[in-house]
Amino acid sequence: MTAVTVLWGVPLLVLFWAIGATTRLLRLRKQVQKRSGQIAVQRERQMADAVSTQPLEDVATLAQRVHFARQAYNDSVRHYNAALGQFPGSLLARLFGFRMADLLPQDAD
């Protein structure tokens, strides 16, 4: 192995590592956004059913779905925020403008 090979190998390794970390952050942020959309859909269904003449059991079932969607969202946010705090994700997050996401309260309706 020559010195030139080593000199090119290290930057390439760092580049691939940075690309992998950025891809992970993008995937996790997309997952957080997807979970947020799922919560919105469940809330809309819950509100529509609360206004209509649906039995209370259906409303309770929808409330439970919203609760589980909130849990899934919070899990996604925890993974995303953890990735932002790890190297090299923390450096890339600052560079590309990734921001920490907020958790949703579990008892809010």
N, C-alpha and C. Protein backbone atom coordinates (compact mmCIF):
# COMPACT_ATOMS: atom_id res chain seq x y z
N MET A 1 0.85 -1.18 0.00
CA MET A 1 0.00 0.00 0.00
C MET A 1 0.89 1.23 0.00
N THR A 2 0.60 2.12 -0.87
CA THR A 2 1.42 3.32 -0.96
C THR A 2 0.83 4.44 -0.12
N ALA A 3 1.61 5.48 0.08
CA ALA A 3 1.16 6.63 0.87
C ALA A 3 0.00 7.34 0.19
N VAL A 4 0.00 7.35 -1.14
CA VAL A 4 -1.08 8.00 -1.89
C VAL A 4 -2.40 7.26 -1.66
N THR A 5 -2.36 5.94 -1.64
CA THR A 5 -3.56 5.14 -1.40
C THR A 5 -4.12 5.42 -0.01
N VAL A 6 -3.26 5.50 0.97
CA VAL A 6 -3.70 5.80 2.33
C VAL A 6 -4.28 7.20 2.41
N LEU A 7 -3.63 8.16 1.74
CA LEU A 7 -4.12 9.54 1.77
C LEU A 7 -5.51 9.66 1.15
N TRP A 8 -5.80 8.90 0.11
CA TRP A 8 -7.13 8.93 -0.50
C TRP A 8 -8.11 8.05 0.26
N GLY A 9 -7.62 7.01 0.89
CA GLY A 9 -8.51 6.07 1.58
C GLY A 9 -9.19 6.67 2.79
N VAL A 10 -8.49 7.44 3.58
CA VAL A 10 -9.06 8.03 4.79
C VAL A 10 -10.17 9.03 4.48
N PRO A 11 -9.96 9.98 3.56
CA PRO A 11 -11.06 10.90 3.25
C PRO A 11 -12.28 10.19 2.65
N LEU A 12 -12.03 9.17 1.83
CA LEU A 12 -13.15 8.42 1.27
C LEU A 12 -13.93 7.70 2.36
N LEU A 13 -13.22 7.14 3.32
CA LEU A 13 -13.89 6.47 4.43
C LEU A 13 -14.73 7.45 5.23
N VAL A 14 -14.19 8.62 5.51
CA VAL A 14 -14.93 9.65 6.24
C VAL A 14 -16.13 10.12 5.42
N LEU A 15 -15.96 10.26 4.13
CA LEU A 15 -17.06 10.68 3.25
C LEU A 15 -18.19 9.65 3.28
N PHE A 16 -17.87 8.39 3.14
CA PHE A 16 -18.90 7.35 3.16
C PHE A 16 -19.58 7.28 4.53
N TRP A 17 -18.82 7.48 5.58
CA TRP A 17 -19.38 7.49 6.93
C TRP A 17 -20.35 8.66 7.08
N ALA A 18 -19.98 9.82 6.58
CA ALA A 18 -20.85 11.00 6.66
C ALA A 18 -22.11 10.81 5.82
N ILE A 19 -21.98 10.22 4.67
CA ILE A 19 -23.15 9.95 3.83
C ILE A 19 -24.10 8.99 4.54
N GLY A 20 -23.56 7.97 5.15
CA GLY A 20 -24.39 7.01 5.90
C GLY A 20 -25.10 7.66 7.06
N ALA A 21 -24.41 8.52 7.80
CA ALA A 21 -25.03 9.19 8.94
C ALA A 21 -26.11 10.16 8.48
N THR A 22 -25.87 10.88 7.39
CA THR A 22 -26.87 11.80 6.86
C THR A 22 -28.10 11.04 6.38
N THR A 23 -27.88 9.93 5.72
CA THR A 23 -29.00 9.10 5.26
C THR A 23 -29.82 8.61 6.44
N ARG A 24 -29.16 8.22 7.51
CA ARG A 24 -29.88 7.76 8.70
C ARG A 24 -30.71 8.90 9.30
N LEU A 25 -30.14 10.09 9.39
CA LEU A 25 -30.89 11.23 9.93
C LEU A 25 -32.10 11.56 9.05
N LEU A 26 -31.92 11.52 7.75
CA LEU A 26 -33.04 11.79 6.84
C LEU A 26 -34.14 10.74 7.00
N ARG A 27 -33.76 9.48 7.12
CA ARG A 27 -34.73 8.40 7.29
C ARG A 27 -35.49 8.55 8.59
N LEU A 28 -34.78 8.87 9.66
CA LEU A 28 -35.44 9.04 10.95
C LEU A 28 -36.36 10.26 10.96
N ARG A 29 -35.93 11.35 10.32
CA ARG A 29 -36.79 12.54 10.26
C ARG A 29 -38.05 12.24 9.46
N LYS A 30 -37.92 11.48 8.38
CA LYS A 30 -39.09 11.10 7.58
C LYS A 30 -40.03 10.24 8.41
N GLN A 31 -39.49 9.35 9.22
CA GLN A 31 -40.31 8.50 10.07
C GLN A 31 -41.08 9.35 11.09
N VAL A 32 -40.43 10.35 11.66
CA VAL A 32 -41.10 11.25 12.61
C VAL A 32 -42.24 11.99 11.91
N GLN A 33 -42.00 12.47 10.70
CA GLN A 33 -43.04 13.18 9.95
C GLN A 33 -44.20 12.25 9.61
N LYS A 34 -43.90 11.01 9.27
CA LYS A 34 -44.94 10.03 8.96
C LYS A 34 -45.81 9.77 10.19
N ARG A 35 -45.17 9.59 11.33
CA ARG A 35 -45.92 9.35 12.57
C ARG A 35 -46.78 10.55 12.94
N SER A 36 -46.28 11.74 12.68
CA SER A 36 -47.04 12.95 12.96
C SER A 36 -48.30 12.98 12.09
N GLY A 37 -48.18 12.59 10.84
CA GLY A 37 -49.34 12.53 9.94
C GLY A 37 -50.34 11.50 10.40
N GLN A 38 -49.86 10.37 10.91
CA GLN A 38 -50.76 9.33 11.40
C GLN A 38 -51.56 9.83 12.60
N ILE A 39 -50.92 10.60 13.45
CA ILE A 39 -51.63 11.16 14.61
C ILE A 39 -52.72 12.10 14.14
N ALA A 40 -52.42 12.93 13.16
CA ALA A 40 -53.41 13.88 12.65
C ALA A 40 -54.62 13.15 12.07
N VAL A 41 -54.38 12.07 11.33
CA VAL A 41 -55.49 11.30 10.75
C VAL A 41 -56.33 10.68 11.85
N GLN A 42 -55.70 10.11 12.85
CA GLN A 42 -56.44 9.49 13.95
C GLN A 42 -57.25 10.53 14.72
N ARG A 43 -56.67 11.70 14.92
CA ARG A 43 -57.39 12.77 15.64
C ARG A 43 -58.61 13.23 14.84
N GLU A 44 -58.45 13.36 13.52
CA GLU A 44 -59.58 13.76 12.69
C GLU A 44 -60.69 12.74 12.76
N ARG A 45 -60.34 11.46 12.70
CA ARG A 45 -61.35 10.40 12.82
C ARG A 45 -62.04 10.45 14.18
N GLN A 46 -61.24 10.68 15.21
CA GLN A 46 -61.79 10.74 16.56
C GLN A 46 -62.78 11.90 16.68
N MET A 47 -62.42 13.05 16.15
CA MET A 47 -63.30 14.22 16.23
C MET A 47 -64.57 14.00 15.41
N ALA A 48 -64.43 13.43 14.23
CA ALA A 48 -65.60 13.19 13.38
C ALA A 48 -66.54 12.19 14.04
N ASP A 49 -65.99 11.15 14.64
CA ASP A 49 -66.84 10.16 15.30
C ASP A 49 -67.44 10.68 16.59
N ALA A 50 -66.77 11.59 17.26
CA ALA A 50 -67.31 12.16 18.49
C ALA A 50 -68.53 13.02 18.18
N VAL A 51 -68.52 13.67 17.03
CA VAL A 51 -69.63 14.54 16.63
C VAL A 51 -70.79 13.70 16.10
N SER A 52 -70.49 12.61 15.42
CA SER A 52 -71.54 11.77 14.83
C SER A 52 -72.22 10.93 15.89
N THR A 53 -73.07 10.06 15.46
CA THR A 53 -73.87 9.24 16.39
C THR A 53 -73.24 7.87 16.63
N GLN A 54 -71.94 7.75 16.47
CA GLN A 54 -71.25 6.48 16.70
C GLN A 54 -71.35 6.09 18.17
N PRO A 55 -71.42 4.80 18.43
CA PRO A 55 -71.43 4.36 19.83
C PRO A 55 -70.14 4.79 20.55
N LEU A 56 -70.25 4.93 21.84
CA LEU A 56 -69.10 5.35 22.64
C LEU A 56 -67.94 4.37 22.55
N GLU A 57 -68.23 3.11 22.27
CA GLU A 57 -67.16 2.12 22.15
C GLU A 57 -66.23 2.47 20.99
N ASP A 58 -66.83 2.92 19.88
CA ASP A 58 -66.01 3.30 18.73
C ASP A 58 -65.14 4.51 19.04
N VAL A 59 -65.69 5.46 19.76
CA VAL A 59 -64.92 6.65 20.14
C VAL A 59 -63.77 6.24 21.06
N ALA A 60 -64.04 5.32 21.98
CA ALA A 60 -62.99 4.85 22.88
C ALA A 60 -61.90 4.11 22.10
N THR A 61 -62.29 3.36 21.10
CA THR A 61 -61.32 2.65 20.27
C THR A 61 -60.45 3.64 19.51
N LEU A 62 -61.05 4.69 18.98
CA LEU A 62 -60.27 5.71 18.28
C LEU A 62 -59.33 6.44 19.23
N ALA A 63 -59.81 6.70 20.43
CA ALA A 63 -58.94 7.35 21.42
C ALA A 63 -57.73 6.48 21.72
N GLN A 64 -57.96 5.18 21.78
CA GLN A 64 -56.85 4.25 22.02
C GLN A 64 -55.88 4.26 20.83
N ARG A 65 -56.41 4.34 19.61
CA ARG A 65 -55.55 4.40 18.42
C ARG A 65 -54.70 5.67 18.44
N VAL A 66 -55.30 6.78 18.83
CA VAL A 66 -54.54 8.03 18.92
C VAL A 66 -53.43 7.88 19.96
N HIS A 67 -53.74 7.24 21.07
CA HIS A 67 -52.74 7.02 22.12
C HIS A 67 -51.57 6.20 21.58
N PHE A 68 -51.86 5.13 20.85
CA PHE A 68 -50.79 4.30 20.30
C PHE A 68 -50.02 5.03 19.21
N ALA A 69 -50.71 5.84 18.41
CA ALA A 69 -50.02 6.63 17.39
C ALA A 69 -49.07 7.63 18.06
N ARG A 70 -49.51 8.21 19.18
CA ARG A 70 -48.65 9.13 19.93
C ARG A 70 -47.42 8.41 20.46
N GLN A 71 -47.61 7.19 20.95
CA GLN A 71 -46.47 6.41 21.44
C GLN A 71 -45.48 6.12 20.32
N ALA A 72 -45.99 5.73 19.15
CA ALA A 72 -45.12 5.44 18.01
C ALA A 72 -44.37 6.70 17.59
N TYR A 73 -45.06 7.84 17.59
CA TYR A 73 -44.42 9.11 17.24
C TYR A 73 -43.30 9.41 18.23
N ASN A 74 -43.59 9.30 19.52
CA ASN A 74 -42.58 9.60 20.55
C ASN A 74 -41.38 8.67 20.45
N ASP A 75 -41.63 7.40 20.12
CA ASP A 75 -40.51 6.46 19.92
C ASP A 75 -39.64 6.91 18.74
N SER A 76 -40.29 7.32 17.65
CA SER A 76 -39.55 7.80 16.49
C SER A 76 -38.74 9.05 16.84
N VAL A 77 -39.33 9.95 17.61
CA VAL A 77 -38.64 11.18 18.02
C VAL A 77 -37.44 10.84 18.89
N ARG A 78 -37.58 9.89 19.79
CA ARG A 78 -36.45 9.49 20.64
C ARG A 78 -35.28 8.95 19.80
N HIS A 79 -35.59 8.10 18.81
CA HIS A 79 -34.54 7.56 17.95
C HIS A 79 -33.88 8.67 17.13
N TYR A 80 -34.70 9.56 16.60
CA TYR A 80 -34.20 10.68 15.80
C TYR A 80 -33.30 11.59 16.64
N ASN A 81 -33.79 11.98 17.83
CA ASN A 81 -33.00 12.86 18.70
C ASN A 81 -31.71 12.19 19.16
N ALA A 82 -31.77 10.88 19.41
CA ALA A 82 -30.55 10.15 19.79
C ALA A 82 -29.54 10.17 18.65
N ALA A 83 -30.02 10.01 17.42
CA ALA A 83 -29.11 10.04 16.27
C ALA A 83 -28.49 11.42 16.11
N LEU A 84 -29.24 12.46 16.43
CA LEU A 84 -28.69 13.82 16.35
C LEU A 84 -27.59 14.04 17.38
N GLY A 85 -27.64 13.32 18.48
CA GLY A 85 -26.65 13.50 19.54
C GLY A 85 -25.40 12.65 19.38
N GLN A 86 -25.38 11.76 18.39
CA GLN A 86 -24.24 10.88 18.20
C GLN A 86 -23.32 11.41 17.11
N PHE A 87 -22.04 11.10 17.26
CA PHE A 87 -21.07 11.46 16.23
C PHE A 87 -21.15 10.45 15.10
N PRO A 88 -21.12 10.82 13.85
CA PRO A 88 -20.94 12.13 13.26
C PRO A 88 -22.27 12.86 13.03
N GLY A 89 -23.37 12.25 13.46
CA GLY A 89 -24.67 12.88 13.25
C GLY A 89 -24.78 14.26 13.84
N SER A 90 -24.17 14.47 14.99
CA SER A 90 -24.24 15.79 15.63
C SER A 90 -23.58 16.86 14.77
N LEU A 91 -22.45 16.54 14.17
CA LEU A 91 -21.79 17.50 13.29
C LEU A 91 -22.60 17.75 12.02
N LEU A 92 -23.11 16.68 11.45
CA LEU A 92 -23.89 16.81 10.22
C LEU A 92 -25.22 17.52 10.48
N ALA A 93 -25.79 17.30 11.65
CA ALA A 93 -27.05 17.96 11.99
C ALA A 93 -26.87 19.48 12.01
N ARG A 94 -25.79 19.93 12.59
CA ARG A 94 -25.52 21.38 12.59
C ARG A 94 -25.26 21.89 11.18
N LEU A 95 -24.54 21.12 10.41
CA LEU A 95 -24.19 21.53 9.06
C LEU A 95 -25.41 21.62 8.15
N PHE A 96 -26.33 20.67 8.26
CA PHE A 96 -27.49 20.62 7.37
C PHE A 96 -28.78 21.13 8.00
N GLY A 97 -28.72 21.65 9.20
CA GLY A 97 -29.89 22.28 9.81
C GLY A 97 -30.91 21.34 10.42
N PHE A 98 -30.52 20.13 10.78
CA PHE A 98 -31.44 19.23 11.48
C PHE A 98 -31.68 19.78 12.89
N ARG A 99 -32.90 19.73 13.35
CA ARG A 99 -33.25 20.22 14.68
C ARG A 99 -33.88 19.10 15.50
N MET A 100 -33.73 19.20 16.81
CA MET A 100 -34.36 18.23 17.72
C MET A 100 -35.88 18.33 17.58
N ALA A 101 -36.55 17.19 17.67
CA ALA A 101 -38.01 17.16 17.60
C ALA A 101 -38.57 17.09 19.02
N ASP A 102 -39.78 17.60 19.18
CA ASP A 102 -40.42 17.61 20.50
C ASP A 102 -41.30 16.38 20.68
N LEU A 103 -41.32 15.87 21.89
CA LEU A 103 -42.20 14.75 22.23
C LEU A 103 -43.62 15.28 22.46
N LEU A 104 -44.59 14.43 22.19
CA LEU A 104 -45.98 14.76 22.47
C LEU A 104 -46.36 14.25 23.85
N PRO A 105 -47.16 14.99 24.60
CA PRO A 105 -47.62 14.47 25.89
C PRO A 105 -48.58 13.30 25.66
N GLN A 106 -48.51 12.30 26.51
CA GLN A 106 -49.34 11.11 26.34
C GLN A 106 -50.79 11.33 26.76
N ASP A 107 -51.04 12.24 27.68
CA ASP A 107 -52.41 12.39 28.18
C ASP A 107 -53.18 13.51 27.50
N ALA A 108 -52.58 14.19 26.52
CA ALA A 108 -53.27 15.28 25.83
C ALA A 108 -54.27 14.69 24.84
N ASP A 109 -55.39 15.40 24.66
CA ASP A 109 -56.42 14.95 23.72
C ASP A 109 -56.61 15.94 22.62
